Amino acid sequence: GATGDLVWETAGMTQNAIPTPVHSDGLVILASGFRGNALLAVKLAEAKGDISASPAVAWRLDRDTPYVPSPLLYGEELYFLKGNNGLLSCFNARTGERHYGPERIEGVPNVYASPVGADGRIYIAGREGKTAVVERGPGGAADSPRPGRQLRARSAARGDRSDSRNARPAAVQLRP
């Protein structure tokens, strides 16, 4: 059972880590981007004690990481924004191979909300009220001729609103 004992820890994250870690198939991705940049992919089965210089860290990145928005793990692809900006990157979550980015996403220059994935698309809600839609895919995938291509950026609400938006969209599956 759970004892509350420390299982593992690591150095290397920046001060004030805000993004929520994401997890899939025994790999957890940690990110922070305040006063520095850090992203670590940790193999949980190998993580014991101090893993700072351990093979439990599958790969790491020290640039272009998110400050507030959490990363999105969508299949084998890891999507994340640079700082709080509309600059999107896509990596292979297992290997750390960069597929593209950071690439500017038009219409969403400031982002606090985490990207959301649904139906083969990535939705990025900007603070100014627009939501950008980007095709899912690492680039060069047979099932998508131009993954990473921005499809559109549209206003998420009608009317004149001067307040900012910091919440991410919610994906809902409607049944016929």
Protein backbone atom coordinates (compact mmCIF):
# COMPACT_ATOMS: atom_id res chain seq x y z
CA GLY A 1 0.00 0.00 0.00
CA ALA A 2 0.86 3.68 -0.07
CA THR A 3 3.25 4.81 2.67
CA GLY A 4 3.87 8.42 1.75
CA ASP A 5 7.60 7.70 1.40
CA LEU A 6 9.51 9.52 -1.33
CA VAL A 7 9.80 7.27 -4.41
CA TRP A 8 11.88 9.52 -6.68
CA GLU A 9 13.00 13.10 -7.14
CA THR A 10 14.99 15.11 -9.65
CA ALA A 11 16.82 18.38 -9.98
CA GLY A 12 16.66 20.46 -13.11
CA MET A 13 13.15 21.86 -13.16
CA THR A 14 12.83 25.64 -13.12
CA GLN A 15 11.47 27.74 -10.31
CA ASN A 16 7.65 27.80 -10.07
CA ALA A 17 6.73 24.74 -12.17
CA ILE A 18 3.11 25.29 -13.24
CA PRO A 19 2.32 22.88 -16.13
CA THR A 20 0.62 19.65 -15.08
CA PRO A 21 2.68 16.53 -15.89
CA VAL A 22 1.25 14.19 -18.54
CA HIS A 23 1.54 10.38 -18.49
CA SER A 24 1.20 7.48 -20.90
CA ASP A 25 2.46 3.90 -20.94
CA GLY A 26 4.86 4.30 -18.01
CA LEU A 27 6.35 7.60 -19.18
CA VAL A 28 5.67 10.88 -17.39
CA ILE A 29 6.54 14.23 -18.97
CA LEU A 30 7.41 17.12 -16.64
CA ALA A 31 7.75 20.69 -17.94
CA SER A 32 8.49 24.15 -16.58
CA GLY A 33 9.42 27.43 -18.16
CA PHE A 34 9.71 30.20 -15.56
CA ARG A 35 13.17 31.80 -15.45
CA GLY A 36 14.60 29.01 -17.56
CA ASN A 37 13.40 26.01 -19.54
CA ALA A 38 13.12 22.35 -18.56
CA LEU A 39 11.29 19.33 -19.88
CA LEU A 40 12.02 15.77 -18.72
CA ALA A 41 10.60 12.44 -19.88
CA VAL A 42 10.81 10.01 -16.96
CA LYS A 43 10.47 6.20 -17.22
CA LEU A 44 8.48 5.49 -14.05
CA ALA A 45 9.52 1.81 -13.82
CA GLU A 46 13.17 2.90 -13.48
CA ALA A 47 12.60 5.96 -11.28
CA LYS A 48 13.96 5.38 -7.75
CA GLY A 49 15.65 7.90 -5.46
CA ASP A 50 17.44 10.85 -7.08
CA ILE A 51 17.06 10.40 -10.85
CA SER A 52 18.82 13.65 -11.85
CA ALA A 53 21.66 11.79 -13.63
CA SER A 54 19.87 8.46 -14.01
CA PRO A 55 18.83 6.44 -17.08
CA ALA A 56 15.29 6.81 -15.71
CA VAL A 57 15.30 10.15 -17.57
CA ALA A 58 14.60 9.01 -21.14
CA TRP A 59 15.29 12.46 -22.60
CA ARG A 60 15.35 16.13 -21.65
CA LEU A 61 14.99 19.52 -23.28
CA ASP A 62 16.33 22.86 -22.06
CA ARG A 63 14.64 25.33 -24.41
CA ASP A 64 11.23 26.50 -25.68
CA THR A 65 9.21 24.93 -22.82
CA PRO A 66 5.84 26.13 -21.46
CA TYR A 67 5.46 28.48 -18.51
CA VAL A 68 1.70 28.08 -17.73
CA PRO A 69 0.08 25.78 -20.36
CA SER A 70 0.44 22.06 -19.74
CA PRO A 71 1.76 19.86 -22.55
CA LEU A 72 -0.60 17.68 -24.59
CA LEU A 73 0.21 14.01 -25.06
CA TYR A 74 -1.75 12.83 -28.10
CA GLY A 75 -0.82 9.27 -29.04
CA GLU A 76 2.98 9.18 -29.41
CA GLU A 77 3.11 12.93 -30.03
CA LEU A 78 3.93 15.52 -27.38
CA TYR A 79 2.68 19.05 -28.13
CA PHE A 80 3.62 22.09 -26.07
CA LEU A 81 3.78 25.85 -26.31
CA LYS A 82 6.84 28.03 -25.75
CA GLY A 83 6.37 30.15 -22.61
CA ASN A 84 2.88 31.64 -22.75
CA ASN A 85 3.20 32.32 -26.45
CA GLY A 86 1.44 30.91 -29.50
CA LEU A 87 4.55 28.99 -30.58
CA LEU A 88 3.81 25.26 -30.91
CA SER A 89 6.27 22.36 -30.93
CA CYS A 90 5.68 18.66 -31.56
CA PHE A 91 8.04 15.91 -30.36
CA ASN A 92 8.00 12.13 -30.29
CA ALA A 93 7.15 11.53 -26.62
CA ARG A 94 9.16 8.29 -26.39
CA THR A 95 12.39 9.37 -28.10
CA GLY A 96 12.48 13.15 -27.78
CA GLU A 97 12.83 13.55 -31.56
CA ARG A 98 11.64 17.01 -32.64
CA HIS A 99 9.01 16.79 -35.39
CA TYR A 100 8.56 20.56 -35.73
CA GLY A 101 8.58 23.83 -33.86
CA PRO A 102 8.45 26.10 -32.28
CA GLU A 103 6.13 27.42 -34.99
CA ARG A 104 3.95 30.52 -34.67
CA ILE A 105 0.23 29.83 -34.49
CA GLU A 106 -1.58 32.83 -35.97
CA GLY A 107 -4.38 34.46 -33.97
CA VAL A 108 -3.25 33.25 -30.52
CA PRO A 109 -0.17 35.28 -29.51
CA ASN A 110 -0.78 34.86 -25.74
CA VAL A 111 -1.80 31.51 -24.28
CA TYR A 112 -2.35 30.40 -20.67
CA ALA A 113 -4.75 27.56 -21.50
CA SER A 114 -3.43 24.07 -22.20
CA PRO A 115 -3.87 22.72 -25.73
CA VAL A 116 -6.62 20.13 -26.24
CA GLY A 117 -6.60 17.28 -28.76
CA ALA A 118 -9.73 15.82 -30.35
CA ASP A 119 -10.71 14.27 -33.67
CA GLY A 120 -7.22 14.58 -35.17
CA ARG A 121 -6.87 18.26 -34.31
CA ILE A 122 -5.13 20.40 -31.70
CA TYR A 123 -7.17 23.29 -30.23
CA ILE A 124 -5.26 26.24 -28.76
CA ALA A 125 -7.30 28.91 -26.96
CA GLY A 126 -5.68 32.33 -26.83
CA ARG A 127 -6.18 34.93 -24.13
CA GLU A 128 -7.61 37.35 -26.71
CA GLY A 129 -10.65 35.14 -27.34
CA LYS A 130 -9.65 33.20 -30.46
CA THR A 131 -9.11 29.45 -30.68
CA ALA A 132 -6.67 28.13 -33.27
CA VAL A 133 -7.10 24.70 -34.81
CA VAL A 134 -4.02 22.78 -35.97
CA GLU A 135 -3.85 19.42 -37.74
CA ARG A 136 -2.49 16.62 -35.57
CA GLY A 137 0.61 14.81 -36.78
CA PRO A 138 4.37 14.76 -36.50
CA GLY A 139 5.06 15.77 -40.12
CA GLY A 140 5.42 13.39 -43.00
CA ALA A 141 2.86 10.93 -41.60
CA ALA A 142 1.10 8.91 -44.26
CA ASP A 143 -2.33 9.66 -42.80
CA SER A 144 -1.94 13.45 -42.86
CA PRO A 145 -0.54 15.29 -45.88
CA ARG A 146 0.44 18.40 -43.91
CA PRO A 147 0.40 17.79 -40.14
CA GLY A 148 1.09 20.85 -38.08
CA ARG A 149 -0.73 23.02 -40.64
CA GLN A 150 -2.96 25.61 -39.03
CA LEU A 151 -6.54 25.22 -40.22
CA ARG A 152 -8.06 28.36 -38.71
CA ALA A 153 -8.21 30.80 -35.80
CA ARG A 154 -11.68 32.01 -34.93
CA SER A 155 -13.26 34.00 -32.17
CA ALA A 156 -14.46 31.68 -29.43
CA ALA A 157 -17.22 34.05 -28.23
CA ARG A 158 -19.43 36.72 -29.76
CA GLY A 159 -19.66 40.30 -28.64
CA ASP A 160 -17.17 42.86 -27.45
CA ARG A 161 -15.32 41.38 -24.49
CA SER A 162 -12.23 43.02 -23.09
CA ASP A 163 -11.47 40.41 -20.44
CA SER A 164 -8.89 37.72 -21.11
CA ARG A 165 -9.50 34.00 -21.36
CA ASN A 166 -7.32 31.53 -19.53
CA ALA A 167 -9.37 28.33 -19.63
CA ARG A 168 -8.92 25.55 -22.16
CA PRO A 169 -11.77 24.29 -24.34
CA ALA A 170 -13.56 21.09 -23.32
CA ALA A 171 -13.97 18.28 -25.84
CA VAL A 172 -17.42 16.68 -25.89
CA GLN A 173 -18.56 13.70 -27.94
CA LEU A 174 -22.20 14.05 -28.92
CA ARG A 175 -24.14 10.86 -29.56
CA PRO A 176 -26.73 10.65 -32.33
